[in-house]
Amino acid sequence: MSRYPKHGLCGASPADFSWLEGRWEARIGDDVMEECWMPLRGNMLIASFRWVSGDGSVHFYEIEVIEQAGEHVYLRVKHFDSGLVGWEEREQSLDFLLVEQDEQGAVFYEQDVPDPRWTVYRRDGPDELRAYFTHDEAPDPDPGVFEFHRV
């Protein structure tokens, strides 16, 4: 059983995530992952993510948003293969509800799927960021922990 809650955190807003703004880079082996968060506008943050394999081929892309919906904050994600072929249906995204937040990061809980995960963002100082999925206490081994550095 995870230590993370499953119920939405009230009182937060997308403005609380300004610490994500900027360009972040991580490496797993020879692969490079980049995540670029734009500043808050329209009460939402938006990011692009790309994973490029060591041989230069695209593993996948993502568009991510952190936005308000009523009294809750969500992280919403859409995935794409090379050529911008979407993984999710046109009207759907992966939706993660903000369930925990402090000055060191945030935890989002996946919605409306059979085996939900938590998405964890943890800061290790202003220029270091760990991001991972978990079903319990430890990060899921696939894909593992993204150790981002601000670029």
Protein backbone atom coordinates (compact mmCIF):
# COMPACT_ATOMS: atom_id res chain seq x y z
CA MET A 1 0.00 0.00 0.00
CA SER A 2 1.35 3.40 -0.92
CA ARG A 3 1.87 6.23 1.51
CA TYR A 4 0.32 8.64 -1.01
CA PRO A 5 -3.35 9.68 -0.82
CA LYS A 6 -5.91 9.03 -3.55
CA HIS A 7 -8.19 12.02 -2.92
CA GLY A 8 -7.77 15.46 -4.46
CA LEU A 9 -6.00 18.28 -2.68
CA CYS A 10 -8.13 21.43 -2.47
CA GLY A 11 -6.80 24.97 -2.33
CA ALA A 12 -3.93 24.48 -4.80
CA SER A 13 -3.68 26.20 -8.17
CA PRO A 14 -1.52 25.88 -11.28
CA ALA A 15 0.33 29.03 -10.13
CA ASP A 16 1.87 26.86 -7.37
CA PHE A 17 3.95 25.09 -10.04
CA SER A 18 6.08 27.98 -11.28
CA TRP A 19 9.14 26.04 -10.02
CA LEU A 20 8.67 23.69 -13.00
CA GLU A 21 9.14 26.45 -15.58
CA GLY A 22 12.11 26.03 -17.88
CA ARG A 23 13.96 23.31 -19.73
CA TRP A 24 14.90 20.06 -17.98
CA GLU A 25 17.07 17.21 -19.26
CA ALA A 26 17.60 13.65 -18.04
CA ARG A 27 19.52 10.63 -19.31
CA ILE A 28 18.95 6.92 -18.96
CA GLY A 29 21.92 5.17 -20.50
CA ASP A 30 22.43 6.78 -23.92
CA ASP A 31 18.81 7.97 -24.11
CA VAL A 32 17.96 11.65 -23.57
CA MET A 33 14.69 12.93 -22.14
CA GLU A 34 13.77 16.62 -22.34
CA GLU A 35 10.84 18.36 -20.66
CA CYS A 36 10.16 22.05 -21.33
CA TRP A 37 7.60 23.87 -19.14
CA MET A 38 6.26 27.25 -20.32
CA PRO A 39 5.28 29.93 -17.78
CA LEU A 40 1.78 30.16 -16.35
CA ARG A 41 -0.72 31.70 -18.75
CA GLY A 42 -4.49 31.24 -18.85
CA ASN A 43 -4.25 29.60 -15.39
CA MET A 44 -2.34 26.65 -16.82
CA LEU A 45 1.19 25.47 -17.49
CA ILE A 46 2.00 23.51 -20.62
CA ALA A 47 5.02 21.36 -21.41
CA SER A 48 6.48 19.30 -24.20
CA PHE A 49 8.46 16.14 -23.53
CA ARG A 50 10.57 14.07 -25.88
CA TRP A 51 12.50 10.85 -25.37
CA VAL A 52 15.21 10.25 -27.95
CA SER A 53 17.02 6.91 -27.97
CA GLY A 54 20.79 6.69 -28.08
CA ASP A 55 20.67 5.83 -31.79
CA GLY A 56 18.82 9.11 -32.50
CA SER A 57 15.38 7.59 -33.03
CA VAL A 58 12.32 8.99 -31.28
CA HIS A 59 10.99 6.82 -28.47
CA PHE A 60 7.91 9.07 -27.98
CA TYR A 61 6.65 12.64 -27.38
CA GLU A 62 4.22 14.08 -24.84
CA ILE A 63 2.17 17.21 -24.36
CA GLU A 64 1.49 17.91 -20.66
CA VAL A 65 -0.67 20.50 -18.95
CA ILE A 66 -1.25 21.40 -15.31
CA GLU A 67 -4.68 23.00 -15.11
CA GLN A 68 -7.51 23.81 -12.74
CA ALA A 69 -10.85 21.99 -12.99
CA GLY A 70 -13.25 23.22 -10.33
CA GLU A 71 -11.52 23.02 -6.96
CA HIS A 72 -8.90 20.52 -8.13
CA VAL A 73 -5.66 20.65 -10.11
CA TYR A 74 -4.85 18.04 -12.76
CA LEU A 75 -1.80 16.95 -14.70
CA ARG A 76 -3.07 15.87 -18.14
CA VAL A 77 -0.85 14.02 -20.64
CA LYS A 78 -1.14 12.99 -24.30
CA HIS A 79 1.47 10.73 -25.92
CA PHE A 80 2.62 10.57 -29.53
CA ASP A 81 4.86 8.32 -31.60
CA SER A 82 7.16 9.66 -34.30
CA GLY A 83 5.03 11.38 -36.92
CA LEU A 84 2.71 12.68 -34.15
CA VAL A 85 0.62 9.50 -34.13
CA GLY A 86 -1.41 9.75 -30.91
CA TRP A 87 -1.62 6.97 -28.34
CA GLU A 88 -4.77 8.16 -26.60
CA GLU A 89 -8.11 8.64 -28.34
CA ARG A 90 -8.70 12.14 -29.71
CA GLU A 91 -11.01 13.23 -26.86
CA GLN A 92 -9.01 11.51 -24.11
CA SER A 93 -5.87 12.15 -22.08
CA LEU A 94 -4.21 10.51 -19.12
CA ASP A 95 -5.46 12.49 -16.16
CA PHE A 96 -3.66 12.70 -12.82
CA LEU A 97 -5.33 14.44 -9.85
CA LEU A 98 -3.10 16.52 -7.53
CA VAL A 99 -3.19 14.70 -4.17
CA GLU A 100 -0.11 16.04 -2.36
CA GLN A 101 1.99 19.16 -2.63
CA ASP A 102 4.69 20.91 -0.63
CA GLU A 103 7.67 23.16 -1.34
CA GLN A 104 9.70 20.16 -2.55
CA GLY A 105 7.29 18.79 -5.12
CA ALA A 106 3.95 17.24 -5.90
CA VAL A 107 2.15 13.93 -6.27
CA PHE A 108 -0.65 13.26 -8.77
CA TYR A 109 -2.98 10.20 -8.76
CA GLU A 110 -4.02 8.65 -12.08
CA GLN A 111 -7.75 8.72 -12.79
CA ASP A 112 -10.17 6.33 -14.49
CA VAL A 113 -7.79 3.42 -15.23
CA PRO A 114 -7.85 -0.14 -13.84
CA ASP A 115 -4.39 -0.04 -12.22
CA PRO A 116 -3.78 3.62 -11.27
CA ARG A 117 -0.35 5.02 -10.48
CA TRP A 118 0.97 8.02 -8.67
CA THR A 119 3.18 10.44 -10.60
CA VAL A 120 5.76 11.98 -8.30
CA TYR A 121 7.79 15.14 -8.91
CA ARG A 122 10.44 15.80 -6.20
CA ARG A 123 12.89 18.68 -6.21
CA ASP A 124 16.43 18.26 -4.95
CA GLY A 125 17.27 21.95 -4.97
CA PRO A 126 16.27 24.56 -7.56
CA ASP A 127 17.96 22.83 -10.51
CA GLU A 128 17.45 19.12 -9.79
CA LEU A 129 14.15 17.27 -10.28
CA ARG A 130 13.24 13.60 -9.91
CA ALA A 131 10.11 12.34 -11.67
CA TYR A 132 8.70 8.82 -11.55
CA PHE A 133 5.61 6.62 -11.43
CA THR A 134 4.81 4.36 -8.50
CA HIS A 135 2.17 1.84 -7.43
CA ASP A 136 3.52 1.68 -3.88
CA GLU A 137 6.53 3.05 -2.00
CA ALA A 138 9.22 2.45 -4.64
CA PRO A 139 9.44 3.90 -8.16
CA ASP A 140 8.21 1.56 -10.88
CA PRO A 141 11.25 -0.03 -12.57
CA ASP A 142 9.96 0.73 -16.08
CA PRO A 143 10.81 3.41 -17.08
CA GLY A 144 12.54 4.12 -13.77
CA VAL A 145 13.41 7.47 -12.24
CA PHE A 146 14.03 10.49 -14.46
CA GLU A 147 16.82 12.53 -12.83
CA PHE A 148 16.27 15.90 -14.49
CA HIS A 149 18.72 18.79 -14.40
CA ARG A 150 17.71 22.32 -15.31
CA VAL A 151 19.34 23.37 -18.61
